[in-house]
Amino acid sequence: MHVGIAGIGLYIPQHRMTAADLAAATGVPEDVIALKFGVRSKPVAGPEETTSYMGLKAAEAALADAGIAASDVDLVIWCGAQHKDYPCWLAGLNVANRLGATKAWSFDMEAMCGSMMAALDVARSMMLARDDLQTVLLVSGYRNNDLISLQVPETRFMMDIGSGGSACVLKKNLGKNVVLESAFRGDGSLSEMCMVPVLGSKAWPPAPEDTARAHFIVPDEQSFKQKLGEVTMPNFYAVIRESLARSGLAQSDIDYLAILHFKKSAHDAVLAELGLKPEQTTYLDEYGHVGQNDQLLSIRLGLEAGKIRDGSRIVMVGAGLGFVWAATTVVWGPWRGK
């Protein structure tokens, strides 16, 4: 048995912030934002484009791409952001209802910006273990840019964060676009080094002034940067190589890297480490970092540009604040395995 990706859907808000807009808001020179941070522009959701709305629109597109009716979906997994329409709320069930996925049950999960790979692994495992799951829909919406204050210098490394939605339809024994193995690394010592300090149970009930503090902070910037510098790139490489090895492949087998957006120097360092050429990936400088949507966005752009073809071996890779590193290997096109 195997599980394949039957369809991919995306939702990208039309409103954008450009490098010039970000420069005006932060005081960082425009060319530094465009070239060093790697953000020429990024999509930003409007008030009506809630987290679940963007996931819903992406889900509709994924079902259309797969040619599958919502009524045929057995399970909807929300793997989008915790920053949803309401606190303590199941976005997946809301999306399932609005889609008309009447026989589907649902649950929400998150590994921050590693969520799409975590959801792929969870869904695949469940589908292979259960005979009542033939079609599963993964749905994500993301607008964590709401939680970034561009006036806070120590979190300006997150100025690339934008808004969007993505979704994919998984089908058991599809015969193409097969999801292979995943790998993960975690480091909880980073869990309180970058967070929103209010509106959670640790600061409850909220105070009137908490609205002005509802954004990410870094309490100890020097320690945070030092720790990230020590563990980030080694863990990226580790999950990529482990996902490939578990899939019976080697690093040299990578045809396309569907990687999250981060600063250009880090992006280039990953390519150099893995021996990849720029045309074997897509740098998302016209999108910025759209959370757990980056990997499906990259695959769609790679398909449109002809970088991904039948037989292409794709590694999806990302990292989630907290910190978790995640990678999943996919073989695109007709499946010739078992």
C-alpha atoms as a PDB file:
ATOM      1  CA  MET A   1       0.000   0.000   0.000  1.00  0.00           C
ATOM      2  CA  HIS A   2       0.987   3.596  -0.475  1.00  0.00           C
ATOM      3  CA  VAL A   3      -0.446   7.108  -0.144  1.00  0.00           C
ATOM      4  CA  GLY A   4      -0.261   9.663  -2.933  1.00  0.00           C
ATOM      5  CA  ILE A   5      -0.955  13.385  -3.311  1.00  0.00           C
ATOM      6  CA  ALA A   6      -4.029  13.631  -5.521  1.00  0.00           C
ATOM      7  CA  GLY A   7      -4.317  17.417  -5.538  1.00  0.00           C
ATOM      8  CA  ILE A   8      -2.779  20.620  -4.238  1.00  0.00           C
ATOM      9  CA  GLY A   9      -4.537  23.915  -3.586  1.00  0.00           C
ATOM     10  CA  LEU A  10      -3.271  27.351  -2.584  1.00  0.00           C
ATOM     11  CA  TYR A  11      -4.777  30.621  -1.491  1.00  0.00           C
ATOM     12  CA  ILE A  12      -2.623  33.750  -1.721  1.00  0.00           C
ATOM     13  CA  PRO A  13      -4.138  37.102  -0.641  1.00  0.00           C
ATOM     14  CA  GLN A  14      -3.968  39.803  -3.272  1.00  0.00           C
ATOM     15  CA  HIS A  15      -2.846  42.547  -0.894  1.00  0.00           C
ATOM     16  CA  ARG A  16       0.943  42.780  -0.594  1.00  0.00           C
ATOM     17  CA  MET A  17       3.639  44.459   1.396  1.00  0.00           C
ATOM     18  CA  THR A  18       6.726  45.279  -0.657  1.00  0.00           C
ATOM     19  CA  ALA A  19      10.316  45.642   0.453  1.00  0.00           C
ATOM     20  CA  ALA A  20       9.739  49.394   0.301  1.00  0.00           C
ATOM     21  CA  ASP A  21       6.741  49.075   2.638  1.00  0.00           C
ATOM     22  CA  LEU A  22       8.775  47.015   5.083  1.00  0.00           C
ATOM     23  CA  ALA A  23      11.637  49.486   4.898  1.00  0.00           C
ATOM     24  CA  ALA A  24       9.304  52.353   5.764  1.00  0.00           C
ATOM     25  CA  ALA A  25       7.914  50.399   8.741  1.00  0.00           C
ATOM     26  CA  THR A  26      11.244  49.200  10.142  1.00  0.00           C
ATOM     27  CA  GLY A  27      13.923  51.651   9.058  1.00  0.00           C
ATOM     28  CA  VAL A  28      15.891  48.779   7.505  1.00  0.00           C
ATOM     29  CA  PRO A  29      17.134  49.747   4.011  1.00  0.00           C
ATOM     30  CA  GLU A  30      14.979  48.454   1.165  1.00  0.00           C
ATOM     31  CA  ASP A  31      17.859  46.713  -0.599  1.00  0.00           C
ATOM     32  CA  VAL A  32      18.795  44.882   2.595  1.00  0.00           C
ATOM     33  CA  ILE A  33      15.235  43.614   2.942  1.00  0.00           C
ATOM     34  CA  ALA A  34      15.039  42.542  -0.700  1.00  0.00           C
ATOM     35  CA  LEU A  35      18.496  40.979  -0.980  1.00  0.00           C
ATOM     36  CA  LYS A  36      19.565  39.895   2.510  1.00  0.00           C
ATOM     37  CA  PHE A  37      16.200  39.085   4.085  1.00  0.00           C
ATOM     38  CA  GLY A  38      15.053  37.891   0.667  1.00  0.00           C
ATOM     39  CA  VAL A  39      11.665  39.603   0.643  1.00  0.00           C
ATOM     40  CA  ARG A  40      10.793  41.563  -2.465  1.00  0.00           C
ATOM     41  CA  SER A  41       7.129  41.348  -1.501  1.00  0.00           C
ATOM     42  CA  LYS A  42       4.815  39.197   0.592  1.00  0.00           C
ATOM     43  CA  PRO A  43       1.049  38.584   0.707  1.00  0.00           C
ATOM     44  CA  VAL A  44      -0.837  39.975   3.703  1.00  0.00           C
ATOM     45  CA  ALA A  45      -4.410  38.987   4.515  1.00  0.00           C
ATOM     46  CA  GLY A  46      -7.147  41.553   4.924  1.00  0.00           C
ATOM     47  CA  PRO A  47      -9.676  41.584   7.800  1.00  0.00           C
ATOM     48  CA  GLU A  48     -12.105  39.331   5.944  1.00  0.00           C
ATOM     49  CA  GLU A  49      -9.431  36.748   5.073  1.00  0.00           C
ATOM     50  CA  THR A  50      -9.417  34.834   8.332  1.00  0.00           C
ATOM     51  CA  THR A  51      -7.151  31.883   8.984  1.00  0.00           C
ATOM     52  CA  SER A  52      -9.931  29.360   8.319  1.00  0.00           C
ATOM     53  CA  TYR A  53     -11.160  31.247   5.236  1.00  0.00           C
ATOM     54  CA  MET A  54      -7.757  30.963   3.583  1.00  0.00           C
ATOM     55  CA  GLY A  55      -7.609  27.268   4.471  1.00  0.00           C
ATOM     56  CA  LEU A  56     -11.122  26.768   3.085  1.00  0.00           C
ATOM     57  CA  LYS A  57     -10.267  28.423  -0.219  1.00  0.00           C
ATOM     58  CA  ALA A  58      -7.096  26.335  -0.523  1.00  0.00           C
ATOM     59  CA  ALA A  59      -9.088  23.188   0.279  1.00  0.00           C
ATOM     60  CA  GLU A  60     -11.625  23.967  -2.429  1.00  0.00           C
ATOM     61  CA  ALA A  61      -8.769  24.380  -4.902  1.00  0.00           C
ATOM     62  CA  ALA A  62      -7.109  21.123  -3.791  1.00  0.00           C
ATOM     63  CA  LEU A  63     -10.328  19.142  -4.205  1.00  0.00           C
ATOM     64  CA  ALA A  64     -10.834  20.645  -7.665  1.00  0.00           C
ATOM     65  CA  ASP A  65      -7.239  19.806  -8.589  1.00  0.00           C
ATOM     66  CA  ALA A  66      -7.778  16.230  -7.436  1.00  0.00           C
ATOM     67  CA  GLY A  67     -11.179  15.900  -9.098  1.00  0.00           C
ATOM     68  CA  ILE A  68     -12.611  14.647  -5.795  1.00  0.00           C
ATOM     69  CA  ALA A  69     -15.897  15.696  -4.196  1.00  0.00           C
ATOM     70  CA  ALA A  70     -15.873  16.960  -0.631  1.00  0.00           C
ATOM     71  CA  SER A  71     -18.436  14.280   0.222  1.00  0.00           C
ATOM     72  CA  ASP A  72     -15.795  11.625  -0.516  1.00  0.00           C
ATOM     73  CA  VAL A  73     -13.350  12.934   2.125  1.00  0.00           C
ATOM     74  CA  ASP A  74     -13.027  10.657   5.166  1.00  0.00           C
ATOM     75  CA  LEU A  75     -10.897  12.887   7.384  1.00  0.00           C
ATOM     76  CA  VAL A  76      -9.905  16.555   7.469  1.00  0.00           C
ATOM     77  CA  ILE A  77      -6.720  17.406   9.343  1.00  0.00           C
ATOM     78  CA  TRP A  78      -6.172  21.067  10.133  1.00  0.00           C
ATOM     79  CA  CYS A  79      -2.418  21.655  10.077  1.00  0.00           C
ATOM     80  CA  GLY A  80      -2.551  25.431   9.916  1.00  0.00           C
ATOM     81  CA  ALA A  81      -1.691  28.011  12.513  1.00  0.00           C
ATOM     82  CA  GLN A  82      -2.801  28.109  16.145  1.00  0.00           C
ATOM     83  CA  HIS A  83      -3.641  31.765  15.497  1.00  0.00           C
ATOM     84  CA  LYS A  84      -7.125  30.931  14.208  1.00  0.00           C
ATOM     85  CA  ASP A  85     -10.435  32.764  13.950  1.00  0.00           C
ATOM     86  CA  TYR A  86     -11.161  32.076  17.618  1.00  0.00           C
ATOM     87  CA  PRO A  87      -9.151  30.664  20.540  1.00  0.00           C
ATOM     88  CA  CYS A  88      -9.877  27.081  21.679  1.00  0.00           C
ATOM     89  CA  TRP A  89     -11.570  26.340  18.351  1.00  0.00           C
ATOM     90  CA  LEU A  90     -11.460  23.508  15.821  1.00  0.00           C
ATOM     91  CA  ALA A  91     -10.800  25.047  12.429  1.00  0.00           C
ATOM     92  CA  GLY A  92     -10.786  21.680  10.659  1.00  0.00           C
ATOM     93  CA  LEU A  93     -14.385  20.883  11.561  1.00  0.00           C
ATOM     94  CA  ASN A  94     -15.448  24.349  10.477  1.00  0.00           C
ATOM     95  CA  VAL A  95     -13.727  23.902   7.105  1.00  0.00           C
ATOM     96  CA  ALA A  96     -15.183  20.401   6.670  1.00  0.00           C
ATOM     97  CA  ASN A  97     -18.688  21.728   7.284  1.00  0.00           C
ATOM     98  CA  ARG A  98     -18.290  24.651   4.889  1.00  0.00           C
ATOM     99  CA  LEU A  99     -16.876  22.329   2.220  1.00  0.00           C
ATOM    100  CA  GLY A 100     -19.757  19.885   2.548  1.00  0.00           C
ATOM    101  CA  ALA A 101     -17.478  17.061   3.695  1.00  0.00           C
ATOM    102  CA  THR A 102     -20.435  15.505   5.471  1.00  0.00           C
ATOM    103  CA  LYS A 103     -18.937  12.114   6.312  1.00  0.00           C
ATOM    104  CA  ALA A 104     -15.552  13.425   7.441  1.00  0.00           C
ATOM    105  CA  TRP A 105     -14.361  13.727  10.999  1.00  0.00           C
ATOM    106  CA  SER A 106     -11.561  16.113  11.845  1.00  0.00           C
ATOM    107  CA  PHE A 107      -8.905  17.186  14.277  1.00  0.00           C
ATOM    108  CA  ASP A 108      -6.501  20.123  14.513  1.00  0.00           C
ATOM    109  CA  MET A 109      -2.752  19.674  14.967  1.00  0.00           C
ATOM    110  CA  GLU A 110       0.306  21.874  14.755  1.00  0.00           C
ATOM    111  CA  ALA A 111       4.069  21.672  14.708  1.00  0.00           C
ATOM    112  CA  MET A 112       4.261  25.394  13.889  1.00  0.00           C
ATOM    113  CA  CYS A 113       5.938  25.813  10.486  1.00  0.00           C
ATOM    114  CA  GLY A 114       6.826  22.110  10.379  1.00  0.00           C
ATOM    115  CA  SER A 115       3.132  21.222  10.428  1.00  0.00           C
ATOM    116  CA  MET A 116       2.632  20.218   6.799  1.00  0.00           C
ATOM    117  CA  MET A 117       5.322  17.531   6.984  1.00  0.00           C
ATOM    118  CA  ALA A 118       4.062  16.365  10.388  1.00  0.00           C
ATOM    119  CA  ALA A 119       0.514  16.163   9.025  1.00  0.00           C
ATOM    120  CA  LEU A 120       1.657  14.240   5.958  1.00  0.00           C
ATOM    121  CA  ASP A 121       3.352  11.697   8.201  1.00  0.00           C
ATOM    122  CA  VAL A 122       0.417  11.432  10.607  1.00  0.00           C
ATOM    123  CA  ALA A 123      -2.109  11.112   7.773  1.00  0.00           C
ATOM    124  CA  ARG A 124      -0.025   8.567   5.884  1.00  0.00           C
ATOM    125  CA  SER A 125       0.449   6.447   8.995  1.00  0.00           C
ATOM    126  CA  MET A 126      -3.261   6.549   9.791  1.00  0.00           C
ATOM    127  CA  MET A 127      -4.265   5.722   6.235  1.00  0.00           C
ATOM    128  CA  LEU A 128      -1.939   2.729   6.063  1.00  0.00           C
ATOM    129  CA  ALA A 129      -3.166   1.467   9.437  1.00  0.00           C
ATOM    130  CA  ARG A 130      -6.928   1.951   8.992  1.00  0.00           C
ATOM    131  CA  ASP A 131      -9.240   0.550   6.343  1.00  0.00           C
ATOM    132  CA  ASP A 132     -11.802   3.343   6.784  1.00  0.00           C
ATOM    133  CA  LEU A 133      -9.493   6.118   5.569  1.00  0.00           C
ATOM    134  CA  GLN A 134      -9.234   6.257   1.798  1.00  0.00           C
ATOM    135  CA  THR A 135      -9.201  10.014   1.251  1.00  0.00           C
ATOM    136  CA  VAL A 136      -7.739  12.575   3.661  1.00  0.00           C
ATOM    137  CA  LEU A 137      -7.636  16.351   3.257  1.00  0.00           C
ATOM    138  CA  LEU A 138      -4.860  18.381   4.878  1.00  0.00           C
ATOM    139  CA  VAL A 139      -5.757  22.058   5.327  1.00  0.00           C
ATOM    140  CA  SER A 140      -3.682  25.027   6.468  1.00  0.00           C
ATOM    141  CA  GLY A 141      -4.315  28.725   6.885  1.00  0.00           C
ATOM    142  CA  TYR A 142      -1.718  31.131   8.228  1.00  0.00           C
ATOM    143  CA  ARG A 143      -1.627  34.818   9.131  1.00  0.00           C
ATOM    144  CA  ASN A 144       0.933  34.946  11.924  1.00  0.00           C
ATOM    145  CA  ASN A 145       2.036  38.271  10.493  1.00  0.00           C
ATOM    146  CA  ASP A 146      -0.704  39.590  12.817  1.00  0.00           C
ATOM    147  CA  LEU A 147       1.599  38.633  15.697  1.00  0.00           C
ATOM    148  CA  ILE A 148       4.720  40.408  14.420  1.00  0.00           C
ATOM    149  CA  SER A 149       5.413  43.987  15.437  1.00  0.00           C
ATOM    150  CA  LEU A 150       7.699  45.592  12.879  1.00  0.00           C
ATOM    151  CA  GLN A 151       8.625  48.166  15.517  1.00  0.00           C
ATOM    152  CA  VAL A 152      10.330  45.520  17.713  1.00  0.00           C
ATOM    153  CA  PRO A 153      13.952  45.208  16.515  1.00  0.00           C
ATOM    154  CA  GLU A 154      14.674  41.782  18.028  1.00  0.00           C
ATOM    155  CA  THR A 155      11.873  40.096  16.038  1.00  0.00           C
ATOM    156  CA  ARG A 156      12.588  41.768  12.711  1.00  0.00           C
ATOM    157  CA  PHE A 157      14.103  38.491  11.548  1.00  0.00           C
ATOM    158  CA  MET A 158      10.422  37.472  11.151  1.00  0.00           C
ATOM    159  CA  MET A 159       9.535  40.418   8.913  1.00  0.00           C
ATOM    160  CA  ASP A 160       9.278  37.940   6.020  1.00  0.00           C
ATOM    161  CA  ILE A 161       6.157  36.333   7.545  1.00  0.00           C
ATOM    162  CA  GLY A 162       3.057  36.752   5.402  1.00  0.00           C
ATOM    163  CA  SER A 163      -0.384  35.203   4.962  1.00  0.00           C
ATOM    164  CA  GLY A 164      -1.857  32.396   2.909  1.00  0.00           C
ATOM    165  CA  GLY A 165      -3.442  28.991   2.784  1.00  0.00           C
ATOM    166  CA  SER A 166      -2.596  25.595   1.349  1.00  0.00           C
ATOM    167  CA  ALA A 167      -4.180  22.179   1.201  1.00  0.00           C
ATOM    168  CA  CYS A 168      -3.578  18.773  -0.284  1.00  0.00           C
ATOM    169  CA  VAL A 169      -5.723  15.725  -0.911  1.00  0.00           C
ATOM    170  CA  LEU A 170      -4.197  12.366  -0.024  1.00  0.00           C
ATOM    171  CA  LYS A 171      -5.512   9.166  -1.576  1.00  0.00           C
ATOM    172  CA  LYS A 172      -4.663   5.592  -0.626  1.00  0.00           C
ATOM    173  CA  ASN A 173      -3.091   3.568  -3.471  1.00  0.00           C
ATOM    174  CA  LEU A 174      -3.368   6.526  -5.847  1.00  0.00           C
ATOM    175  CA  GLY A 175      -0.586   5.242  -8.088  1.00  0.00           C
ATOM    176  CA  LYS A 176       1.253   8.548  -8.329  1.00  0.00           C
ATOM    177  CA  ASN A 177       2.878  11.358  -6.308  1.00  0.00           C
ATOM    178  CA  VAL A 178       3.733   8.982  -3.494  1.00  0.00           C
ATOM    179  CA  VAL A 179       4.523  10.201   0.017  1.00  0.00           C
ATOM    180  CA  LEU A 180       7.480   8.275   1.384  1.00  0.00           C
ATOM    181  CA  GLU A 181       9.163   8.707   4.761  1.00  0.00           C
ATOM    182  CA  SER A 182       9.513  11.698   7.077  1.00  0.00           C
ATOM    183  CA  ALA A 183      12.015  12.706   9.736  1.00  0.00           C
ATOM    184  CA  PHE A 184      11.845  15.131  12.649  1.00  0.00           C
ATOM    185  CA  ARG A 185      14.071  16.778  15.248  1.00  0.00           C
ATOM    186  CA  GLY A 186      12.984  18.842  18.221  1.00  0.00           C
ATOM    187  CA  ASP A 187      14.623  21.129  20.764  1.00  0.00           C
ATOM    188  CA  GLY A 188      12.338  22.326  23.543  1.00  0.00           C
ATOM    189  CA  SER A 189      15.056  24.433  25.142  1.00  0.00           C
ATOM    190  CA  LEU A 190      14.010  27.089  22.598  1.00  0.00           C
ATOM    191  CA  SER A 191      10.331  26.924  23.491  1.00  0.00           C
ATOM    192  CA  GLU A 192      10.203  30.119  25.568  1.00  0.00           C
ATOM    193  CA  MET A 193      12.926  32.038  23.769  1.00  0.00           C
ATOM    194  CA  CYS A 194      10.484  33.510  21.236  1.00  0.00           C
ATOM    195  CA  MET A 195       6.771  33.685  22.040  1.00  0.00           C
ATOM    196  CA  VAL A 196       3.727  35.913  22.453  1.00  0.00           C
ATOM    197  CA  PRO A 197       3.765  36.780  26.177  1.00  0.00           C
ATOM    198  CA  VAL A 198       0.032  37.478  26.624  1.00  0.00           C
ATOM    199  CA  LEU A 199      -3.404  35.989  25.926  1.00  0.00           C
ATOM    200  CA  GLY A 200      -2.341  32.520  27.074  1.00  0.00           C
ATOM    201  CA  SER A 201      -3.112  30.759  30.346  1.00  0.00           C
ATOM    202  CA  LYS A 202       0.194  31.944  31.822  1.00  0.00           C
ATOM    203  CA  ALA A 203      -1.053  35.541  31.652  1.00  0.00           C
ATOM    204  CA  TRP A 204      -4.761  35.063  32.327  1.00  0.00           C
ATOM    205  CA  PRO A 205      -7.045  36.907  32.641  1.00  0.00           C
ATOM    206  CA  PRO A 206      -5.766  39.403  30.107  1.00  0.00           C
ATOM    207  CA  ALA A 207      -5.162  42.974  31.204  1.00  0.00           C
ATOM    208  CA  PRO A 208      -6.453  45.955  29.183  1.00  0.00           C
ATOM    209  CA  GLU A 209      -2.926  46.785  28.057  1.00  0.00           C
ATOM    210  CA  ASP A 210      -2.269  43.263  26.749  1.00  0.00           C
ATOM    211  CA  THR A 211      -3.649  44.110  23.312  1.00  0.00           C
ATOM    212  CA  ALA A 212      -0.586  46.276  22.684  1.00  0.00           C
ATOM    213  CA  ARG A 213       1.672  43.350  23.699  1.00  0.00           C
ATOM    214  CA  ALA A 214       0.006  40.690  21.538  1.00  0.00           C
ATOM    215  CA  HIS A 215       3.067  40.067  19.400  1.00  0.00           C
ATOM    216  CA  PHE A 216       6.148  37.878  19.479  1.00  0.00           C
ATOM    217  CA  ILE A 217       9.038  38.915  21.700  1.00  0.00           C
ATOM    218  CA  VAL A 218      12.534  37.558  22.276  1.00  0.00           C
ATOM    219  CA  PRO A 219      13.359  38.010  25.974  1.00  0.00           C
ATOM    220  CA  ASP A 220      17.086  37.272  25.522  1.00  0.00           C
ATOM    221  CA  GLU A 221      18.099  38.032  21.951  1.00  0.00           C
ATOM    222  CA  GLN A 222      21.772  37.111  22.383  1.00  0.00           C
ATOM    223  CA  SER A 223      21.027  33.673  23.860  1.00  0.00           C
ATOM    224  CA  PHE A 224      18.356  33.005  21.261  1.00  0.00           C
ATOM    225  CA  LYS A 225      20.644  33.812  18.339  1.00  0.00           C
ATOM    226  CA  GLN A 226      23.496  31.803  19.822  1.00  0.00           C
ATOM    227  CA  LYS A 227      21.326  28.745  20.374  1.00  0.00           C
ATOM    228  CA  LEU A 228      19.787  28.943  16.915  1.00  0.00           C
ATOM    229  CA  GLY A 229      23.216  29.324  15.376  1.00  0.00           C
ATOM    230  CA  GLU A 230      24.334  26.127  17.056  1.00  0.00           C
ATOM    231  CA  VAL A 231      21.414  23.881  16.163  1.00  0.00           C
ATOM    232  CA  THR A 232      19.480  25.192  13.163  1.00  0.00           C
ATOM    233  CA  MET A 233      21.507  24.126  10.139  1.00  0.00           C
ATOM    234  CA  PRO A 234      22.697  20.767  11.560  1.00  0.00           C
ATOM    235  CA  ASN A 235      19.082  19.838  12.278  1.00  0.00           C
ATOM    236  CA  PHE A 236      17.954  20.887   8.804  1.00  0.00           C
ATOM    237  CA  TYR A 237      20.557  18.648   7.241  1.00  0.00           C
ATOM    238  CA  ALA A 238      19.800  15.802   9.644  1.00  0.00           C
ATOM    239  CA  VAL A 239      16.069  15.609   8.869  1.00  0.00           C
ATOM    240  CA  ILE A 240      16.649  15.879   5.111  1.00  0.00           C
ATOM    241  CA  ARG A 241      19.162  13.044   5.112  1.00  0.00           C
ATOM    242  CA  GLU A 242      17.144  10.879   7.476  1.00  0.00           C
ATOM    243  CA  SER A 243      13.954  11.289   5.445  1.00  0.00           C
ATOM    244  CA  LEU A 244      15.844  10.256   2.322  1.00  0.00           C
ATOM    245  CA  ALA A 245      17.557   7.307   4.018  1.00  0.00           C
ATOM    246  CA  ARG A 246      14.278   6.028   5.449  1.00  0.00           C
ATOM    247  CA  SER A 247      12.874   6.249   1.907  1.00  0.00           C
ATOM    248  CA  GLY A 248      15.762   4.203   0.478  1.00  0.00           C
ATOM    249  CA  LEU A 249      17.335   7.225  -1.184  1.00  0.00           C
ATOM    250  CA  ALA A 250      20.567   9.200  -0.862  1.00  0.00           C
ATOM    251  CA  GLN A 251      21.279  12.919  -0.756  1.00  0.00           C
ATOM    252  CA  SER A 252      22.429  12.747  -4.373  1.00  0.00           C
ATOM    253  CA  ASP A 253      18.948  11.544  -5.355  1.00  0.00           C
ATOM    254  CA  ILE A 254      17.280  14.890  -4.590  1.00  0.00           C
ATOM    255  CA  ASP A 255      15.793  16.414  -7.729  1.00  0.00           C
ATOM    256  CA  TYR A 256      13.876  19.252  -6.063  1.00  0.00           C
ATOM    257  CA  LEU A 257      13.994  20.815  -2.603  1.00  0.00           C
ATOM    258  CA  ALA A 258      10.676  22.319  -1.443  1.00  0.00           C
ATOM    259  CA  ILE A 259      12.124  24.437   1.339  1.00  0.00           C
ATOM    260  CA  LEU A 260      10.698  27.130   3.565  1.00  0.00           C
ATOM    261  CA  HIS A 261      11.583  30.753   2.966  1.00  0.00           C
ATOM    262  CA  PHE A 262      14.398  32.154   5.062  1.00  0.00           C
ATOM    263  CA  LYS A 263      17.204  34.651   4.523  1.00  0.00           C
ATOM    264  CA  LYS A 264      19.107  34.266   1.263  1.00  0.00           C
ATOM    265  CA  SER A 265      22.439  33.333   2.826  1.00  0.00           C
ATOM    266  CA  ALA A 266      20.850  30.433   4.745  1.00  0.00           C
ATOM    267  CA  HIS A 267      18.993  29.284   1.628  1.00  0.00           C
ATOM    268  CA  ASP A 268      22.211  29.304  -0.390  1.00  0.00           C
ATOM    269  CA  ALA A 269      24.064  27.481   2.404  1.00  0.00           C
ATOM    270  CA  VAL A 270      21.532  24.630   2.313  1.00  0.00           C
ATOM    271  CA  LEU A 271      21.912  24.275  -1.451  1.00  0.00           C
ATOM    272  CA  ALA A 272      25.703  24.230  -1.136  1.00  0.00           C
ATOM    273  CA  GLU A 273      25.627  21.640   1.655  1.00  0.00           C
ATOM    274  CA  LEU A 274      23.354  19.350  -0.353  1.00  0.00           C
ATOM    275  CA  GLY A 275      25.121  19.879  -3.683  1.00  0.00           C
ATOM    276  CA  LEU A 276      22.018  21.348  -5.334  1.00  0.00           C
ATOM    277  CA  LYS A 277      21.709  23.973  -8.041  1.00  0.00           C
ATOM    278  CA  PRO A 278      19.409  27.020  -7.759  1.00  0.00           C
ATOM    279  CA  GLU A 279      17.120  25.555 -10.427  1.00  0.00           C
ATOM    280  CA  GLN A 280      16.456  22.570  -8.152  1.00  0.00           C
ATOM    281  CA  THR A 281      14.378  24.679  -5.803  1.00  0.00           C
ATOM    282  CA  THR A 282      12.376  27.919  -5.744  1.00  0.00           C
ATOM    283  CA  TYR A 283      13.375  30.877  -3.628  1.00  0.00           C
ATOM    284  CA  LEU A 284      10.170  32.437  -2.346  1.00  0.00           C
ATOM    285  CA  ASP A 285      11.282  36.074  -2.413  1.00  0.00           C
ATOM    286  CA  GLU A 286       7.953  37.138  -3.948  1.00  0.00           C
ATOM    287  CA  TYR A 287       6.054  35.443  -1.117  1.00  0.00           C
ATOM    288  CA  GLY A 288       8.213  35.544   1.987  1.00  0.00           C
ATOM    289  CA  HIS A 289       7.516  32.942   4.648  1.00  0.00           C
ATOM    290  CA  VAL A 290       3.903  31.778   4.599  1.00  0.00           C
ATOM    291  CA  GLY A 291       4.352  29.355   7.473  1.00  0.00           C
ATOM    292  CA  GLN A 292       3.534  25.704   6.894  1.00  0.00           C
ATOM    293  CA  ASN A 293       2.319  26.581   3.400  1.00  0.00           C
ATOM    294  CA  ASP A 294       5.780  27.179   1.962  1.00  0.00           C
ATOM    295  CA  GLN A 295       6.403  23.591   0.856  1.00  0.00           C
ATOM    296  CA  LEU A 296       3.183  23.092  -1.136  1.00  0.00           C
ATOM    297  CA  LEU A 297       3.635  26.575  -2.608  1.00  0.00           C
ATOM    298  CA  SER A 298       7.152  25.628  -3.674  1.00  0.00           C
ATOM    299  CA  ILE A 299       5.930  22.384  -5.263  1.00  0.00           C
ATOM    300  CA  ARG A 300       3.233  24.219  -7.212  1.00  0.00           C
ATOM    301  CA  LEU A 301       5.733  26.812  -8.442  1.00  0.00           C
ATOM    302  CA  GLY A 302       8.204  24.040  -9.275  1.00  0.00           C
ATOM    303  CA  LEU A 303       5.585  22.230 -11.349  1.00  0.00           C
ATOM    304  CA  GLU A 304       4.604  25.409 -13.177  1.00  0.00           C
ATOM    305  CA  ALA A 305       8.240  26.183 -13.974  1.00  0.00           C
ATOM    306  CA  GLY A 306       8.963  22.653 -15.214  1.00  0.00           C
ATOM    307  CA  LYS A 307      11.452  22.027 -12.407  1.00  0.00           C
ATOM    308  CA  ILE A 308       9.405  19.045 -11.182  1.00  0.00           C
ATOM    309  CA  ARG A 309       8.639  16.284 -13.663  1.00  0.00           C
ATOM    310  CA  ASP A 310       7.503  12.673 -13.554  1.00  0.00           C
ATOM    311  CA  GLY A 311      10.015  10.745 -11.465  1.00  0.00           C
ATOM    312  CA  SER A 312      11.282  13.794  -9.602  1.00  0.00           C
ATOM    313  CA  ARG A 313      12.315  13.034  -6.031  1.00  0.00           C
ATOM    314  CA  ILE A 314      11.205  15.915  -3.851  1.00  0.00           C
ATOM    315  CA  VAL A 315      12.209  16.679  -0.286  1.00  0.00           C
ATOM    316  CA  MET A 316       9.879  19.004   1.612  1.00  0.00           C
ATOM    317  CA  VAL A 317      11.646  20.660   4.524  1.00  0.00           C
ATOM    318  CA  GLY A 318      10.861  23.306   7.114  1.00  0.00           C
ATOM    319  CA  ALA A 319      11.219  24.314  10.732  1.00  0.00           C
ATOM    320  CA  GLY A 320       8.728  25.412  13.347  1.00  0.00           C
ATOM    321  CA  LEU A 321       9.314  27.881  16.142  1.00  0.00           C
ATOM    322  CA  GLY A 322       9.718  26.077  19.414  1.00  0.00           C
ATOM    323  CA  PHE A 323      11.726  24.354  17.781  1.00  0.00           C
ATOM    324  CA  VAL A 324      10.983  21.445  15.423  1.00  0.00           C
ATOM    325  CA  TRP A 325      12.682  20.545  12.145  1.00  0.00           C
ATOM    326  CA  ALA A 326      10.773  18.391   9.658  1.00  0.00           C
ATOM    327  CA  ALA A 327      11.303  16.776   6.257  1.00  0.00           C
ATOM    328  CA  THR A 328       9.211  14.510   4.013  1.00  0.00           C
ATOM    329  CA  THR A 329      10.252  12.772   0.802  1.00  0.00           C
ATOM    330  CA  VAL A 330       7.821  12.527  -2.126  1.00  0.00           C
ATOM    331  CA  VAL A 331       8.289  10.886  -5.534  1.00  0.00           C
ATOM    332  CA  TRP A 332       6.314  12.776  -8.169  1.00  0.00           C
ATOM    333  CA  GLY A 333       4.530  11.157 -11.086  1.00  0.00           C
ATOM    334  CA  PRO A 334       3.525   7.537 -11.721  1.00  0.00           C
ATOM    335  CA  TRP A 335       4.510   5.140  -8.960  1.00  0.00           C
ATOM    336  CA  ARG A 336       6.503   2.061  -9.905  1.00  0.00           C
ATOM    337  CA  GLY A 337       7.162   0.812  -6.390  1.00  0.00           C
ATOM    338  CA  LYS A 338       5.228  -1.614  -4.246  1.00  0.00           C
END
